[in-house]
Every structure is written in C-alpha cells, then in structure tokens.
C-alpha cells in the first residue's frame, strides 16, 4: 500500500479480512463481487457491486481505473484472474480478498 493509503502495484495484492473491513464504505474503493448473482443476493459484503466472473471482461469498463478495486470471489482464484485483466487494462490499484467469501466472517448484506 502506498503512503496515501492506495493499493498501488503492478501485481494483484492479497488483502485479508481485517484490512478489507477498513475499505467498506470508502468512496475511493470499488468492491467487486465476482460470484453469480444468486450467491451475491444470498449475502455479500456491504457496498460490493456484482459483476460475475463470466461477465467480467465485457463489464470491467464500468469500473473507474482511478479507484482502488478489491475483487471478491468464492475462494480467490477468480479474483486473481480478474485482477490480472484489470492490471493489463490500465488499472493500478487492484487487490483480491484472500480466501474469498469462504474465509469472510464479517457482516453480510442480504
């Protein structure tokens, strides 16, 4: 993480649950839930938008490359793959929730 609190890097950075909770509600951060819409509706992290992994390549233009992006999936690999795609397309601050929703013990929005 850079001095200004942004997650600047040329690699997808892992982020743990405790650090993730600090970004909930931050308008400079986009939290993207990559799971299917039914799983998203069953419970997701507050403020997360749903762009399924299957749609990610065609919808990633909806994200602001000036913001930090935190990707959330089932257990992590889809977030890593999606993060690499963002980095290849001009994004600089990309993180992936370590262990995905399988390891998330925080509050869920339903």
N, C-alpha and C. Protein backbone atom coordinates (compact mmCIF):
# COMPACT_ATOMS: atom_id res chain seq x y z
N UNK A 1 0.85 -1.17 0.00
CA UNK A 1 0.00 0.00 0.00
C UNK A 1 0.90 1.24 0.00
N UNK A 2 0.55 2.24 -0.77
CA UNK A 2 1.35 3.45 -0.85
C UNK A 2 1.08 4.37 0.34
N UNK A 3 1.90 5.43 0.43
CA UNK A 3 1.78 6.37 1.56
C UNK A 3 0.40 7.01 1.66
N UNK A 4 -0.25 7.21 0.51
CA UNK A 4 -1.55 7.87 0.54
C UNK A 4 -2.70 6.90 0.82
N UNK A 5 -2.36 5.65 1.17
CA UNK A 5 -3.38 4.68 1.54
C UNK A 5 -3.95 3.90 0.38
N UNK A 6 -3.47 4.17 -0.83
CA UNK A 6 -3.96 3.43 -2.00
C UNK A 6 -3.13 2.18 -2.20
N UNK A 7 -3.70 1.20 -2.86
CA UNK A 7 -3.05 -0.10 -3.05
C UNK A 7 -2.33 -0.13 -4.40
N UNK A 8 -1.40 0.80 -4.66
CA UNK A 8 -0.73 0.89 -5.95
C UNK A 8 0.25 -0.25 -6.12
N UNK A 9 0.16 -0.92 -7.27
CA UNK A 9 1.06 -2.04 -7.53
C UNK A 9 0.88 -2.50 -8.96
N UNK A 10 1.86 -3.24 -9.45
CA UNK A 10 1.75 -3.86 -10.76
C UNK A 10 1.34 -5.32 -10.62
N UNK A 11 1.01 -5.73 -9.41
CA UNK A 11 0.55 -7.08 -9.12
C UNK A 11 -0.76 -6.99 -8.36
N UNK A 12 -1.54 -8.04 -8.46
CA UNK A 12 -2.76 -8.13 -7.65
C UNK A 12 -2.31 -8.39 -6.22
N UNK A 13 -2.72 -7.53 -5.30
CA UNK A 13 -2.30 -7.63 -3.92
C UNK A 13 -3.34 -8.42 -3.10
N UNK A 14 -2.90 -9.37 -2.32
CA UNK A 14 -3.85 -10.05 -1.43
C UNK A 14 -4.27 -9.11 -0.30
N UNK A 15 -5.50 -9.21 0.11
CA UNK A 15 -5.98 -8.39 1.23
C UNK A 15 -6.75 -9.31 2.17
N UNK A 16 -6.49 -9.21 3.44
CA UNK A 16 -7.16 -10.02 4.44
C UNK A 16 -8.45 -9.39 4.92
N UNK A 17 -9.19 -10.13 5.70
CA UNK A 17 -10.48 -9.67 6.18
C UNK A 17 -10.37 -8.39 7.01
N UNK A 18 -9.40 -8.32 7.92
CA UNK A 18 -9.27 -7.14 8.78
C UNK A 18 -9.00 -5.88 7.96
N UNK A 19 -8.11 -6.00 6.97
CA UNK A 19 -7.82 -4.84 6.12
C UNK A 19 -9.01 -4.52 5.23
N UNK A 20 -9.68 -5.53 4.75
CA UNK A 20 -10.84 -5.34 3.89
C UNK A 20 -11.91 -4.51 4.59
N UNK A 21 -12.13 -4.78 5.86
CA UNK A 21 -13.17 -4.05 6.59
C UNK A 21 -12.88 -2.56 6.65
N UNK A 22 -11.62 -2.16 6.57
CA UNK A 22 -11.26 -0.74 6.59
C UNK A 22 -11.73 -0.01 5.33
N UNK A 23 -11.92 -0.76 4.24
CA UNK A 23 -12.28 -0.14 2.96
C UNK A 23 -13.78 -0.10 2.71
N UNK A 24 -14.55 -0.81 3.50
CA UNK A 24 -16.00 -0.80 3.32
C UNK A 24 -16.52 0.62 3.55
N UNK A 25 -17.27 1.12 2.58
CA UNK A 25 -17.82 2.47 2.68
C UNK A 25 -16.90 3.56 2.17
N UNK A 26 -15.70 3.22 1.73
CA UNK A 26 -14.75 4.20 1.21
C UNK A 26 -15.10 4.47 -0.25
N UNK A 27 -15.40 5.72 -0.58
CA UNK A 27 -15.83 6.07 -1.94
C UNK A 27 -14.69 6.00 -2.96
N UNK A 28 -13.45 5.87 -2.50
CA UNK A 28 -12.31 5.73 -3.41
C UNK A 28 -12.00 4.28 -3.74
N UNK A 29 -12.84 3.37 -3.26
CA UNK A 29 -12.62 1.94 -3.45
C UNK A 29 -13.87 1.30 -4.04
N UNK A 30 -13.66 0.51 -5.09
CA UNK A 30 -14.74 -0.30 -5.66
C UNK A 30 -14.55 -1.74 -5.20
N UNK A 31 -15.55 -2.28 -4.54
CA UNK A 31 -15.53 -3.69 -4.14
C UNK A 31 -16.40 -4.43 -5.15
N UNK A 32 -15.80 -5.42 -5.82
CA UNK A 32 -16.50 -6.15 -6.88
C UNK A 32 -16.64 -7.61 -6.48
N UNK A 33 -17.87 -8.05 -6.38
CA UNK A 33 -18.19 -9.45 -6.07
C UNK A 33 -18.34 -10.19 -7.40
N UNK A 34 -17.46 -11.15 -7.63
CA UNK A 34 -17.41 -11.87 -8.90
C UNK A 34 -18.29 -13.11 -8.95
N UNK A 35 -19.00 -13.38 -7.87
CA UNK A 35 -19.83 -14.59 -7.81
C UNK A 35 -21.11 -14.42 -8.64
N UNK A 36 -21.77 -15.51 -8.89
CA UNK A 36 -23.02 -15.48 -9.63
C UNK A 36 -24.05 -14.66 -8.84
N UNK A 37 -25.01 -14.10 -9.56
CA UNK A 37 -25.97 -13.19 -8.95
C UNK A 37 -26.77 -13.83 -7.81
N UNK A 38 -27.10 -15.12 -7.90
CA UNK A 38 -27.87 -15.73 -6.82
C UNK A 38 -27.04 -15.82 -5.53
N UNK A 39 -25.75 -16.10 -5.64
CA UNK A 39 -24.88 -16.13 -4.46
C UNK A 39 -24.70 -14.72 -3.89
N UNK A 40 -24.59 -13.74 -4.77
CA UNK A 40 -24.49 -12.34 -4.33
C UNK A 40 -25.74 -11.94 -3.54
N UNK A 41 -26.90 -12.29 -4.05
CA UNK A 41 -28.16 -11.95 -3.37
C UNK A 41 -28.28 -12.66 -2.02
N UNK A 42 -27.72 -13.86 -1.91
CA UNK A 42 -27.78 -14.61 -0.66
C UNK A 42 -26.95 -13.95 0.45
N UNK A 43 -26.00 -13.12 0.09
CA UNK A 43 -25.19 -12.40 1.07
C UNK A 43 -23.89 -11.93 0.47
N UNK A 44 -23.65 -10.61 0.61
CA UNK A 44 -22.43 -10.03 0.05
C UNK A 44 -21.90 -8.95 1.00
N UNK A 45 -20.69 -8.54 0.76
CA UNK A 45 -20.05 -7.50 1.56
C UNK A 45 -20.71 -6.16 1.25
N UNK A 46 -20.95 -5.38 2.29
CA UNK A 46 -21.60 -4.08 2.14
C UNK A 46 -20.88 -3.23 1.10
N UNK A 47 -21.64 -2.66 0.18
CA UNK A 47 -21.10 -1.77 -0.83
C UNK A 47 -20.55 -2.47 -2.06
N UNK A 48 -20.51 -3.80 -2.04
CA UNK A 48 -19.98 -4.53 -3.20
C UNK A 48 -20.97 -4.48 -4.35
N UNK A 49 -20.43 -4.33 -5.56
CA UNK A 49 -21.25 -4.44 -6.75
C UNK A 49 -21.05 -5.83 -7.32
N UNK A 50 -22.02 -6.33 -8.04
CA UNK A 50 -21.94 -7.68 -8.58
C UNK A 50 -21.64 -7.64 -10.08
N UNK A 51 -20.46 -8.09 -10.43
CA UNK A 51 -20.10 -8.34 -11.83
C UNK A 51 -19.56 -9.76 -11.84
N UNK A 52 -20.36 -10.69 -12.33
CA UNK A 52 -19.94 -12.09 -12.26
C UNK A 52 -18.67 -12.31 -13.09
N UNK A 53 -17.92 -13.32 -12.69
CA UNK A 53 -16.68 -13.66 -13.38
C UNK A 53 -16.95 -13.90 -14.87
N UNK A 54 -18.06 -14.53 -15.19
CA UNK A 54 -18.40 -14.82 -16.58
C UNK A 54 -18.59 -13.55 -17.40
N UNK A 55 -19.03 -12.46 -16.76
CA UNK A 55 -19.29 -11.19 -17.44
C UNK A 55 -18.16 -10.18 -17.28
N UNK A 56 -17.16 -10.53 -16.49
CA UNK A 56 -16.18 -9.52 -16.07
C UNK A 56 -15.48 -8.84 -17.23
N UNK A 57 -15.00 -9.60 -18.19
CA UNK A 57 -14.25 -9.00 -19.29
C UNK A 57 -15.09 -7.97 -20.05
N UNK A 58 -16.35 -8.26 -20.26
CA UNK A 58 -17.20 -7.34 -21.02
C UNK A 58 -17.71 -6.17 -20.17
N UNK A 59 -17.69 -6.31 -18.85
CA UNK A 59 -18.24 -5.25 -17.97
C UNK A 59 -17.19 -4.48 -17.18
N UNK A 60 -15.92 -4.85 -17.28
CA UNK A 60 -14.92 -4.18 -16.45
C UNK A 60 -14.80 -2.69 -16.77
N UNK A 61 -15.27 -2.28 -17.94
CA UNK A 61 -15.25 -0.85 -18.29
C UNK A 61 -16.17 -0.02 -17.40
N UNK A 62 -17.05 -0.68 -16.64
CA UNK A 62 -17.92 0.02 -15.69
C UNK A 62 -17.15 0.51 -14.48
N UNK A 63 -15.93 0.00 -14.28
CA UNK A 63 -15.11 0.37 -13.12
C UNK A 63 -14.23 1.56 -13.45
N UNK A 64 -13.96 2.36 -12.44
CA UNK A 64 -13.12 3.55 -12.59
C UNK A 64 -11.66 3.17 -12.32
N UNK A 65 -10.79 3.30 -13.34
CA UNK A 65 -9.38 2.91 -13.14
C UNK A 65 -8.63 3.81 -12.15
N UNK A 66 -9.22 4.93 -11.76
CA UNK A 66 -8.58 5.82 -10.79
C UNK A 66 -8.85 5.36 -9.36
N UNK A 67 -9.80 4.47 -9.19
CA UNK A 67 -10.13 3.97 -7.85
C UNK A 67 -9.38 2.67 -7.57
N UNK A 68 -9.19 2.38 -6.30
CA UNK A 68 -8.71 1.07 -5.90
C UNK A 68 -9.84 0.08 -6.11
N UNK A 69 -9.51 -1.12 -6.56
CA UNK A 69 -10.51 -2.16 -6.79
C UNK A 69 -10.15 -3.37 -5.93
N UNK A 70 -11.13 -3.84 -5.17
CA UNK A 70 -10.96 -5.07 -4.39
C UNK A 70 -11.92 -6.10 -4.97
N UNK A 71 -11.35 -7.21 -5.39
CA UNK A 71 -12.12 -8.28 -6.00
C UNK A 71 -12.44 -9.36 -4.97
N UNK A 72 -13.65 -9.88 -5.04
CA UNK A 72 -14.12 -10.90 -4.10
C UNK A 72 -14.76 -12.02 -4.91
N UNK A 73 -14.34 -13.26 -4.66
CA UNK A 73 -14.96 -14.40 -5.34
C UNK A 73 -15.24 -15.49 -4.32
N UNK A 74 -15.40 -16.72 -4.77
CA UNK A 74 -15.68 -17.83 -3.86
C UNK A 74 -14.50 -18.07 -2.92
N UNK A 75 -13.35 -18.38 -3.49
CA UNK A 75 -12.18 -18.71 -2.67
C UNK A 75 -10.89 -18.01 -3.10
N UNK A 76 -10.90 -17.24 -4.18
CA UNK A 76 -9.73 -16.45 -4.53
C UNK A 76 -9.24 -16.49 -5.97
N UNK A 77 -9.21 -17.64 -6.66
CA UNK A 77 -8.62 -17.68 -7.99
C UNK A 77 -9.29 -16.80 -9.05
N UNK A 78 -10.62 -16.68 -9.01
CA UNK A 78 -11.29 -15.82 -9.99
C UNK A 78 -10.92 -14.37 -9.77
N UNK A 79 -10.71 -13.98 -8.51
CA UNK A 79 -10.29 -12.63 -8.21
C UNK A 79 -8.89 -12.35 -8.74
N UNK A 80 -8.01 -13.30 -8.61
CA UNK A 80 -6.65 -13.17 -9.12
C UNK A 80 -6.68 -13.00 -10.64
N UNK A 81 -7.42 -13.86 -11.33
CA UNK A 81 -7.50 -13.80 -12.79
C UNK A 81 -8.12 -12.47 -13.26
N UNK A 82 -9.19 -12.04 -12.59
CA UNK A 82 -9.84 -10.78 -12.95
C UNK A 82 -8.92 -9.60 -12.66
N UNK A 83 -8.17 -9.69 -11.57
CA UNK A 83 -7.23 -8.63 -11.23
C UNK A 83 -6.13 -8.49 -12.27
N UNK A 84 -5.63 -9.60 -12.77
CA UNK A 84 -4.61 -9.55 -13.82
C UNK A 84 -5.17 -8.85 -15.06
N UNK A 85 -6.42 -9.12 -15.39
CA UNK A 85 -7.06 -8.47 -16.53
C UNK A 85 -7.15 -6.96 -16.31
N UNK A 86 -7.51 -6.54 -15.10
CA UNK A 86 -7.56 -5.10 -14.80
C UNK A 86 -6.19 -4.46 -14.95
N UNK A 87 -5.17 -5.11 -14.41
CA UNK A 87 -3.82 -4.56 -14.49
C UNK A 87 -3.36 -4.42 -15.94
N UNK A 88 -3.75 -5.36 -16.78
CA UNK A 88 -3.39 -5.31 -18.20
C UNK A 88 -4.15 -4.22 -18.95
N UNK A 89 -5.20 -3.69 -18.31
CA UNK A 89 -6.04 -2.68 -18.95
C UNK A 89 -6.00 -1.33 -18.25
N UNK A 90 -4.88 -1.01 -17.63
CA UNK A 90 -4.66 0.34 -17.11
C UNK A 90 -5.02 0.58 -15.66
N UNK A 91 -5.48 -0.42 -14.93
CA UNK A 91 -5.74 -0.25 -13.50
C UNK A 91 -4.43 -0.44 -12.75
N UNK A 92 -4.26 0.27 -11.64
CA UNK A 92 -3.00 0.22 -10.91
C UNK A 92 -3.15 -0.21 -9.46
N UNK A 93 -4.36 -0.17 -8.93
CA UNK A 93 -4.59 -0.45 -7.52
C UNK A 93 -5.62 -1.56 -7.40
N UNK A 94 -5.14 -2.80 -7.46
CA UNK A 94 -6.04 -3.96 -7.52
C UNK A 94 -5.66 -4.94 -6.42
N UNK A 95 -6.66 -5.33 -5.64
CA UNK A 95 -6.46 -6.32 -4.57
C UNK A 95 -7.48 -7.43 -4.72
N UNK A 96 -7.18 -8.57 -4.09
CA UNK A 96 -8.05 -9.73 -4.11
C UNK A 96 -8.23 -10.20 -2.67
N UNK A 97 -9.47 -10.39 -2.24
CA UNK A 97 -9.75 -10.85 -0.89
C UNK A 97 -9.20 -12.27 -0.71
N UNK A 98 -8.22 -12.42 0.16
CA UNK A 98 -7.59 -13.73 0.40
C UNK A 98 -8.63 -14.74 0.87
N UNK A 99 -8.70 -15.86 0.17
CA UNK A 99 -9.65 -16.91 0.55
C UNK A 99 -11.07 -16.64 0.13
N UNK A 100 -11.34 -15.49 -0.45
CA UNK A 100 -12.67 -15.14 -0.94
C UNK A 100 -13.74 -15.19 0.15
N UNK A 101 -14.97 -15.35 -0.29
CA UNK A 101 -16.09 -15.37 0.65
C UNK A 101 -16.06 -16.59 1.56
N UNK A 102 -15.33 -17.63 1.16
CA UNK A 102 -15.22 -18.82 2.01
C UNK A 102 -14.55 -18.49 3.34
N UNK A 103 -13.69 -17.47 3.36
CA UNK A 103 -12.99 -17.07 4.59
C UNK A 103 -13.57 -15.80 5.21
N UNK A 104 -14.59 -15.22 4.62
CA UNK A 104 -15.17 -13.97 5.14
C UNK A 104 -16.06 -14.26 6.32
N UNK A 105 -15.75 -13.65 7.45
CA UNK A 105 -16.57 -13.80 8.66
C UNK A 105 -17.25 -12.50 9.04
N UNK A 106 -17.07 -11.47 8.22
CA UNK A 106 -17.67 -10.17 8.51
C UNK A 106 -19.15 -10.12 8.19
N UNK A 107 -19.72 -8.95 8.38
CA UNK A 107 -21.14 -8.72 8.16
C UNK A 107 -21.50 -8.91 6.69
N UNK A 108 -22.69 -9.45 6.45
CA UNK A 108 -23.21 -9.62 5.10
C UNK A 108 -24.47 -8.81 4.90
N UNK A 109 -24.64 -8.33 3.70
CA UNK A 109 -25.87 -7.64 3.31
C UNK A 109 -26.69 -8.64 2.49
N UNK A 110 -27.97 -8.72 2.82
CA UNK A 110 -28.86 -9.64 2.07
C UNK A 110 -29.98 -8.87 1.45
